Protein backbone atom coordinates (compact mmCIF):
# COMPACT_ATOMS: atom_id res chain seq x y z
CA MET A 1 0.00 0.00 0.00
CA ARG A 2 1.13 3.58 -0.59
CA GLN A 3 2.90 5.03 2.41
CA ALA A 4 2.46 8.73 3.11
CA LEU A 5 5.48 10.90 3.89
CA PRO A 6 4.78 13.11 6.92
CA ARG A 7 4.48 16.74 5.80
CA PRO A 8 6.43 16.27 2.56
CA PRO A 9 7.95 19.16 0.66
CA ARG A 10 6.71 19.82 -2.86
CA LEU A 11 8.07 17.21 -5.29
CA GLU A 12 10.40 18.74 -7.87
CA ALA A 13 9.44 16.35 -10.68
CA ALA A 14 11.62 18.10 -13.27
CA ASN A 15 14.77 17.00 -11.43
CA VAL A 16 13.74 13.56 -10.14
CA ALA A 17 13.29 10.35 -12.14
CA ALA A 18 10.27 8.13 -11.41
CA PHE A 19 10.59 6.18 -8.15
CA ARG A 20 8.58 4.29 -5.55
CA PHE A 21 9.32 4.02 -1.85
CA ARG A 22 8.61 2.00 1.27
CA ARG A 23 9.42 2.78 4.92
CA LEU A 24 11.46 -0.06 6.38
CA ASP A 25 13.30 -0.08 9.72
CA GLY A 26 13.45 3.70 10.01
CA ARG A 27 14.79 4.24 6.48
CA TYR A 28 13.22 4.63 3.05
CA LEU A 29 13.69 1.89 0.49
CA VAL A 30 13.58 3.61 -2.90
CA THR A 31 13.25 1.70 -6.19
CA ASP A 32 13.14 2.90 -9.78
CA GLU A 33 11.43 1.54 -12.90
CA LEU A 34 14.28 -0.92 -13.54
CA GLY A 35 14.33 -2.31 -10.02
CA ARG A 36 17.49 -0.57 -8.89
CA CYS A 37 17.13 0.04 -5.17
CA ARG A 38 18.79 1.90 -2.34
CA PHE A 39 18.09 2.74 1.29
CA LEU A 40 17.93 6.43 2.19
CA THR A 41 17.89 8.10 5.56
CA PRO A 42 14.84 10.30 6.23
CA GLN A 43 17.03 13.37 5.58
CA ALA A 44 18.30 12.00 2.24
CA PHE A 45 14.76 11.07 1.26
CA ARG A 46 13.51 14.59 1.90
CA ARG A 47 16.35 15.94 -0.22
CA LEU A 48 15.32 13.54 -2.99
CA VAL A 49 11.72 14.74 -2.91
CA ALA A 50 12.87 18.36 -2.75
CA GLY A 51 14.75 17.97 -6.03
CA ALA A 52 18.27 16.99 -4.97
CA PRO A 53 18.29 13.27 -5.82
CA PRO A 54 21.24 10.82 -5.73
CA ALA A 55 22.93 10.26 -9.10
CA GLY A 56 20.85 7.23 -10.04
CA LEU A 57 17.59 9.13 -9.55
CA ALA A 58 18.54 12.40 -11.23
CA ARG A 59 16.41 12.83 -14.35
CA ARG A 60 19.03 14.82 -16.26
CA ARG A 61 21.66 12.06 -15.81
CA LEU A 62 19.56 9.17 -17.14
CA ARG A 63 20.99 7.27 -20.12
CA LEU A 64 17.78 6.44 -21.94
CA GLU A 65 19.24 4.01 -24.51
CA ARG A 66 20.81 1.89 -21.78
CA LEU A 67 17.61 2.02 -19.75
CA ALA A 68 15.51 0.96 -22.74
CA SER A 69 17.83 -1.99 -23.41
CA SER A 70 17.62 -3.06 -19.77
CA TRP A 71 13.82 -2.77 -19.84
CA ARG A 72 13.59 -4.96 -22.96
CA ARG A 73 15.74 -7.60 -21.28
CA ARG A 74 13.52 -7.62 -18.21
CA GLN A 75 10.35 -7.89 -20.30
CA ARG A 76 11.54 -10.51 -22.79
CA LEU A 77 9.35 -13.45 -21.71
CA PRO A 78 5.92 -12.43 -23.08
CA TRP A 79 7.31 -11.54 -26.53
CA SER A 80 8.80 -14.87 -27.67
CA GLY A 81 5.78 -17.14 -27.33
CA PRO A 82 5.31 -19.92 -24.76
CA GLY A 83 8.71 -21.44 -24.03
CA ARG A 84 7.88 -23.51 -20.95
CA HIS A 85 5.40 -26.37 -21.29
CA VAL A 86 4.24 -28.59 -18.41
CA VAL A 87 2.72 -31.93 -19.46
CA ILE A 88 0.85 -34.14 -16.98
CA VAL A 89 1.41 -37.62 -18.39
CA ALA A 90 -0.27 -39.56 -15.60
CA ASP A 91 -2.27 -38.75 -12.51
CA GLY A 92 -3.97 -41.41 -10.45
CA ALA A 93 -6.09 -43.54 -12.75
CA ALA A 94 -5.83 -41.04 -15.61
CA ARG A 95 -3.21 -41.83 -18.26
CA MET A 96 -2.24 -39.95 -21.38
CA THR A 97 -2.54 -41.99 -24.56
CA ILE A 98 0.06 -42.05 -27.31
CA GLU A 99 -2.31 -40.24 -29.68
CA THR A 100 -2.89 -37.51 -27.11
CA ALA A 101 0.88 -37.27 -26.54
CA ARG A 102 1.36 -36.77 -30.27
CA SER A 103 -1.23 -33.98 -30.29
CA VAL A 104 0.39 -32.31 -27.28
CA VAL A 105 3.83 -32.32 -28.94
CA ASP A 106 2.34 -30.95 -32.17
CA THR A 107 0.75 -28.12 -30.18
CA ILE A 108 3.97 -27.35 -28.29
CA LEU A 109 5.99 -27.15 -31.51
CA GLU A 110 3.58 -24.57 -32.93
CA SER A 111 4.98 -22.04 -30.46
CA PRO A 112 7.20 -19.50 -32.27
CA ASN A 113 9.68 -19.61 -29.39
CA PRO A 114 13.01 -21.05 -30.66
CA GLU A 115 13.82 -22.50 -27.21
CA LEU A 116 11.35 -24.90 -25.63
CA ALA A 117 11.47 -26.49 -22.17
CA VAL A 118 9.07 -29.41 -21.66
CA GLU A 119 8.49 -30.79 -18.16
CA LEU A 120 6.86 -34.22 -17.94
CA ARG A 121 5.06 -34.67 -14.66
CA GLY A 122 2.80 -37.20 -13.07
CA ALA A 123 2.23 -39.36 -10.03
CA ALA A 124 2.86 -42.56 -12.02
CA LEU A 125 5.45 -41.78 -14.69
CA LYS A 126 7.00 -45.26 -14.45
CA ALA A 127 3.67 -46.89 -15.24
CA SER A 128 3.39 -44.63 -18.31
CA ARG A 129 6.85 -45.44 -19.69
CA PRO A 130 5.64 -46.27 -23.24
CA VAL A 131 3.91 -42.88 -23.52
CA VAL A 132 6.89 -41.05 -22.00
CA SER A 133 9.28 -42.80 -24.40
CA PHE A 134 7.12 -41.96 -27.39
CA LEU A 135 6.59 -38.35 -26.33
CA THR A 136 10.30 -37.68 -25.75
CA ALA A 137 11.40 -39.35 -29.01
CA TYR A 138 8.70 -37.63 -31.06
CA ALA A 139 9.42 -34.24 -29.48
CA ARG A 140 13.17 -34.55 -30.17
CA ARG A 141 12.61 -35.57 -33.78
CA LYS A 142 10.07 -32.86 -34.49
CA SER A 143 12.11 -30.13 -32.75
CA ARG A 144 15.10 -30.96 -34.96
CA LEU A 145 12.93 -30.63 -38.07
CA ALA A 146 11.61 -27.29 -36.77
CA ASP A 147 15.15 -26.13 -35.88
CA LYS A 148 14.20 -25.47 -32.26
CA ARG A 149 16.28 -26.06 -29.15
CA LEU A 150 14.45 -28.53 -26.90
CA ARG A 151 15.05 -29.32 -23.23
CA LEU A 152 13.14 -32.22 -21.68
CA PHE A 153 12.75 -32.71 -17.92
CA LEU A 154 11.33 -35.66 -16.01
CA ASP A 155 9.81 -34.84 -12.67
CA ALA A 156 12.06 -35.83 -9.76
CA PRO A 157 10.48 -36.87 -6.45
CA PRO A 158 10.61 -34.25 -3.68
CA GLY A 159 13.86 -34.42 -1.77
CA SER A 160 15.88 -35.96 -4.60
CA ALA A 161 19.52 -34.92 -4.88
CA GLY A 162 20.25 -32.26 -7.45
CA GLY A 163 16.88 -30.54 -7.22
CA ALA A 164 14.93 -28.30 -4.86
CA ALA A 165 12.69 -30.18 -2.45
CA ALA A 166 9.15 -28.83 -2.14
CA PRO A 167 7.68 -30.02 1.16
CA ALA A 168 4.01 -29.33 1.77
CA VAL A 169 3.74 -26.49 4.27
CA THR A 170 0.60 -27.46 6.18
CA ARG A 171 -0.56 -26.00 9.49
CA ARG A 172 1.16 -28.88 11.27
CA ALA A 173 4.47 -27.93 9.61
CA LEU A 174 4.38 -24.34 10.84
CA SER A 175 5.92 -25.25 14.19
CA ARG A 176 8.63 -27.34 12.52
CA ALA A 177 10.44 -24.84 10.33
CA ARG A 178 13.98 -25.85 11.25
CA GLU A 179 13.14 -29.55 11.17
CA THR A 180 11.59 -29.20 7.70
CA VAL A 181 14.69 -27.48 6.32
CA GLU A 182 17.14 -29.89 7.97
CA ARG A 183 15.28 -32.96 6.67
CA CYS A 184 15.59 -31.76 3.07
CA PHE A 185 19.23 -30.78 3.63
CA ARG A 186 20.12 -34.24 4.96
CA ARG A 187 18.50 -35.91 1.95
CA GLY A 188 20.96 -34.17 -0.34
CA SER A 189 18.61 -31.70 -1.99
CA ALA A 190 20.29 -28.75 -3.71
CA GLY A 191 17.72 -26.45 -2.15
CA ILE A 192 14.22 -26.15 -0.79
CA ARG A 193 11.13 -24.37 -2.05
CA LEU A 194 8.89 -22.99 0.68
CA LYS A 195 5.51 -21.81 -0.51
CA PRO A 196 2.07 -21.58 1.08
CA LEU A 197 -0.83 -23.79 0.11
CA ASP A 198 -2.45 -22.58 -3.11
CA PRO A 199 -6.23 -22.16 -3.42
CA PRO A 200 -6.48 -23.84 -6.89
CA GLY A 201 -7.18 -27.54 -6.69
CA ARG A 202 -7.70 -27.67 -2.94
CA ALA A 203 -11.05 -28.49 -1.38
CA ARG A 204 -12.23 -25.78 0.97
CA PRO A 205 -12.93 -28.14 3.94
CA SER A 206 -9.34 -29.35 3.63
CA ARG A 207 -8.00 -25.78 3.52
CA ARG A 208 -9.92 -24.90 6.65
CA ARG A 209 -8.32 -27.85 8.40
CA ILE A 210 -4.70 -27.39 7.25
CA GLY A 211 -4.63 -23.73 6.14
CA TYR A 212 -3.24 -20.66 7.92
CA THR A 213 -2.94 -16.90 7.65
CA PRO A 214 -0.24 -15.05 5.69
CA GLN A 215 1.21 -13.81 8.98
CA GLU A 216 1.56 -17.38 10.29
CA PHE A 217 3.30 -18.46 7.10
CA LEU A 218 5.69 -15.50 7.24
CA ARG A 219 6.76 -16.40 10.77
CA PHE A 220 7.45 -19.94 9.56
CA TYR A 221 9.31 -18.65 6.50
CA ALA A 222 11.55 -16.29 8.48
CA GLU A 223 12.62 -19.09 10.83
CA ALA A 224 13.13 -21.51 7.93
CA LEU A 225 15.18 -19.01 5.90
CA GLY A 226 17.35 -18.34 8.94
CA ARG A 227 18.14 -22.06 9.17
CA VAL A 228 18.82 -22.25 5.41
CA LEU A 229 21.39 -19.47 5.76
CA GLU A 230 23.04 -21.27 8.68
CA LEU A 231 23.32 -24.50 6.69
CA ASN A 232 25.13 -22.64 3.89
CA GLU A 233 28.18 -22.64 6.15
CA ARG A 234 28.36 -26.39 5.43
CA ARG A 235 27.44 -26.38 1.73
CA ARG A 236 25.48 -24.35 -0.81
CA PHE A 237 21.78 -24.81 -0.10
CA TYR A 238 19.27 -22.31 -1.48
CA GLU A 239 15.63 -21.39 -0.92
CA GLU A 240 13.87 -21.25 -4.29
CA THR A 241 11.26 -18.55 -3.53
CA ALA A 242 13.98 -16.20 -2.28
CA ARG A 243 16.17 -17.05 -5.27
CA GLY A 244 13.44 -15.96 -7.68
CA PHE A 245 13.11 -12.58 -5.96
CA LEU A 246 16.89 -12.18 -5.72
CA ALA A 247 17.31 -12.75 -9.45
CA LYS A 248 15.08 -9.75 -10.06
CA ILE A 249 16.61 -7.60 -7.33
CA LEU A 250 20.27 -8.31 -8.11
CA LEU A 251 20.28 -9.35 -11.78
CA GLY A 252 17.22 -7.58 -13.17
CA ARG A 253 15.64 -10.79 -14.46
CA ALA A 254 13.55 -13.64 -13.13
CA PRO A 255 13.69 -17.40 -13.76
CA GLU A 256 10.91 -18.42 -16.16
CA ARG A 257 9.20 -20.68 -13.66
CA CYS A 258 9.01 -18.36 -10.67
CA GLY A 259 5.90 -16.40 -11.78
CA LEU A 260 7.30 -12.94 -11.00
CA ASN A 261 6.57 -11.18 -14.26
CA SER A 262 4.26 -8.40 -15.41
CA PRO A 263 2.15 -9.56 -17.21
CA CYS A 264 2.32 -12.96 -15.53
CA GLY A 265 3.13 -14.98 -18.67
CA ALA A 266 0.11 -17.30 -18.56
CA ALA A 267 -0.25 -18.63 -22.15
CA THR A 268 2.24 -16.02 -23.38
CA ALA A 269 5.34 -17.54 -21.77
CA ARG A 270 4.04 -20.96 -20.65
CA LEU A 271 1.27 -23.52 -21.17
CA ALA A 272 0.13 -26.63 -19.29
CA TYR A 273 -1.44 -29.83 -20.67
CA ASP A 274 -3.57 -32.37 -18.82
CA CYS A 275 -3.67 -36.12 -19.44
CA ASP A 276 -6.72 -35.77 -21.70
CA GLY A 277 -5.01 -33.13 -23.86
CA GLY A 278 -6.68 -30.16 -22.20
CA VAL A 279 -4.63 -26.98 -22.69
CA TYR A 280 -4.42 -24.48 -19.83
CA PRO A 281 -2.53 -21.17 -19.43
CA CYS A 282 -0.45 -22.49 -16.51
CA GLU A 283 -0.30 -25.15 -13.79
CA GLU A 284 -2.62 -23.10 -11.55
CA GLY A 285 -5.32 -23.13 -14.24
CA LEU A 286 -4.86 -26.87 -14.72
CA ARG A 287 -5.22 -27.57 -11.00
CA LEU A 288 -8.35 -25.45 -10.89
CA GLY A 289 -9.75 -27.46 -13.81
CA ARG A 290 -9.07 -30.67 -11.94
CA ALA A 291 -11.01 -29.25 -9.00
CA GLY A 292 -14.04 -28.95 -11.29
CA ASP A 293 -13.77 -25.34 -12.49
CA GLU A 294 -12.77 -25.25 -16.17
CA THR A 295 -12.96 -21.48 -16.55
CA PHE A 296 -9.36 -21.45 -17.74
CA ARG A 297 -9.41 -24.48 -20.05
CA LEU A 298 -8.34 -22.92 -23.34
CA ALA A 299 -8.42 -25.74 -25.88
CA ARG A 300 -7.77 -29.42 -26.51
CA ALA A 301 -4.40 -30.40 -27.96
CA GLY A 302 -4.52 -31.11 -31.67
CA GLY A 303 -5.08 -29.27 -34.93
CA GLY A 304 -5.45 -25.53 -34.35
CA ALA A 305 -5.16 -25.85 -30.57
CA TYR A 306 -2.21 -23.47 -30.25
CA GLU A 307 -3.95 -20.58 -32.00
CA SER A 308 -7.15 -21.25 -30.06
CA ALA A 309 -5.29 -21.30 -26.76
CA VAL A 310 -3.11 -18.18 -27.09
CA GLY A 311 -5.94 -16.25 -28.76
CA HIS A 312 -8.51 -17.13 -26.08
CA ALA A 313 -10.32 -14.22 -24.42
CA ALA A 314 -9.24 -15.50 -21.00
CA VAL A 315 -5.58 -15.01 -21.99
CA ARG A 316 -6.15 -11.37 -22.87
CA ALA A 317 -8.07 -10.83 -19.63
CA MET A 318 -5.28 -12.39 -17.56
CA ALA A 319 -2.63 -10.27 -19.29
CA VAL A 320 -4.54 -7.12 -18.37
CA ALA A 321 -5.22 -8.30 -14.81
CA SER A 322 -1.58 -9.28 -14.16
CA CYS A 323 0.00 -6.11 -15.55
CA LEU A 324 1.09 -4.45 -12.32
CA ASP A 325 0.63 -0.95 -13.74
CA ASN A 326 -3.10 -1.77 -13.87
CA GLN A 327 -3.28 -2.73 -10.18
CA PRO A 328 -3.95 0.35 -7.98
CA CYS A 329 -1.81 -0.89 -5.07
CA CYS A 330 0.89 -2.63 -7.12
CA SER A 331 1.47 0.37 -9.36
CA GLN A 332 2.56 2.41 -6.33
CA CYS A 333 4.42 -0.32 -4.42
CA ALA A 334 8.20 -0.14 -4.01
CA TYR A 335 8.35 -3.87 -4.76
CA GLN A 336 6.56 -3.56 -8.10
CA PRO A 337 9.75 -4.23 -10.14
CA TYR A 338 10.28 -7.57 -8.37
CA CYS A 339 6.78 -8.95 -7.95
CA GLY A 340 3.99 -10.57 -9.94
CA VAL A 341 0.25 -11.18 -9.71
CA CYS A 342 -1.42 -14.53 -10.42
CA PRO A 343 -4.93 -13.86 -11.78
CA ILE A 344 -5.97 -17.46 -11.18
CA GLN A 345 -4.88 -17.28 -7.54
CA CYS A 346 -6.91 -14.06 -7.23
CA TYR A 347 -9.91 -15.77 -8.86
CA ALA A 348 -9.67 -18.85 -6.63
CA GLU A 349 -9.20 -16.86 -3.43
CA GLN A 350 -11.25 -13.71 -4.06
CA GLY A 351 -13.55 -14.54 -6.98
CA ASP A 352 -12.09 -11.97 -9.39
CA ILE A 353 -9.00 -12.19 -11.62
CA MET A 354 -8.12 -8.57 -10.76
CA GLY A 355 -7.99 -9.41 -7.07
CA ARG A 356 -7.91 -7.01 -4.13
CA MET A 357 -4.29 -6.66 -3.13
CA PRO A 358 -4.67 -5.19 0.40
CA THR A 359 -6.32 -8.46 1.51
CA ASN A 360 -4.76 -10.87 -1.01
CA SER A 361 -2.71 -13.59 0.69
CA ARG A 362 -0.11 -13.80 -2.10
CA CYS A 363 0.45 -10.03 -1.96
CA LEU A 364 0.82 -10.02 1.82
CA ILE A 365 3.24 -12.95 1.73
CA ASN A 366 5.32 -11.50 -1.11
CA GLN A 367 5.64 -8.18 0.71
CA GLY A 368 6.70 -9.96 3.89
CA ILE A 369 9.32 -12.07 2.11
CA LEU A 370 10.70 -9.05 0.26
CA ASP A 371 10.94 -7.08 3.52
CA LEU A 372 12.92 -9.98 4.99
CA LEU A 373 15.24 -10.26 1.97
CA MET A 374 15.92 -6.53 1.91
CA ARG A 375 16.97 -6.72 5.56
CA LYS A 376 19.20 -9.74 4.87
CA LEU A 377 20.85 -7.98 1.92
CA ARG A 378 21.98 -5.25 4.30
CA GLU A 379 23.84 -7.85 6.43
CA ARG A 380 27.28 -8.61 4.98
CA ALA A 381 27.34 -12.34 5.82
CA SER A 382 23.78 -12.96 4.61
CA ARG A 383 24.34 -10.89 1.46
CA ARG A 384 27.34 -13.03 0.50
CA ILE A 385 25.29 -16.23 0.81
CA LEU A 386 22.25 -14.85 -1.03
CA ARG A 387 24.42 -13.67 -3.93
CA SER A 388 26.03 -17.10 -4.18
CA TRP A 389 22.64 -18.66 -4.95
CA LEU A 390 22.58 -16.85 -8.29
CA SER A 391 25.99 -18.00 -9.51
């Protein structure tokens, strides 16, 4: 939410470049349109507003060509076509057939993106080995003919070495933050991904039983992140949610799968496919469909499915809803350059893809995590560890 400056002087807009601010620990965190940030004392902040900004915020010293190039790099994902494709090959009793797998690959290869990442997921991938073998071989052959770079990933079980473990953070887990982190560390995981329960795909009676407030999750997250940082004295061990934010804060870009883009990238940067060939804008839309709400089912894989999916009215609506400049609170937030809105999460939680950020759980949690990371980045020892996660 916008924070008012007590009795501010008149803003000298002719001298000062666009910025946003947030009061944090007695100082002002100031960010610009490209996500460059700095902490200012109250006195330095008043000088900024009065028209005597630091070098990086002085309008007359901006190098517009360099800024435009940086902006294009930050906004590259929505312009290349869907590059990340999640395929659910098997789930419970549902199994993808070879014909459906062929249609899914055909749809994926219609994307104009020259680099495609395909993740094969499912609760019973071993039982679907013939389909997996066909899908991977067919995708490789067709990508070579289309002169596209293809990366294929098979889902690894949580806790497997070489990947980030993703333990379910239920209400029962909230009091076991350190234990949760240490268990994944001992299993050899490269990192851990700590995220709250999502509304899509979860029955409401179950959520009432195992759910919690954003504030409760943030207390858990702060304790867990503290233990993650301690364990880095023994070996590199990252927290994936923090790493996504840090990539935007420190490098000016976000990993494709972290969902921190504006617009969000649903159906413009990624697509998801169910066992029956259903095409969805993202995994959240697919999970919602499995819960019985097919609002975001865009098409069925096969002839013409790609054009139908990316041209669907729901895709345009989600692009508008997830553009942070269109969100009253997000447009003024100091964390706008680092954050992202999920229209499907807003729809599932609040009944509207635009959402209401002051009471939105994702917004409250993201703000809390970013506050924590900004504090850690000001500590020399923590900053060294956090930077190492991006190498």
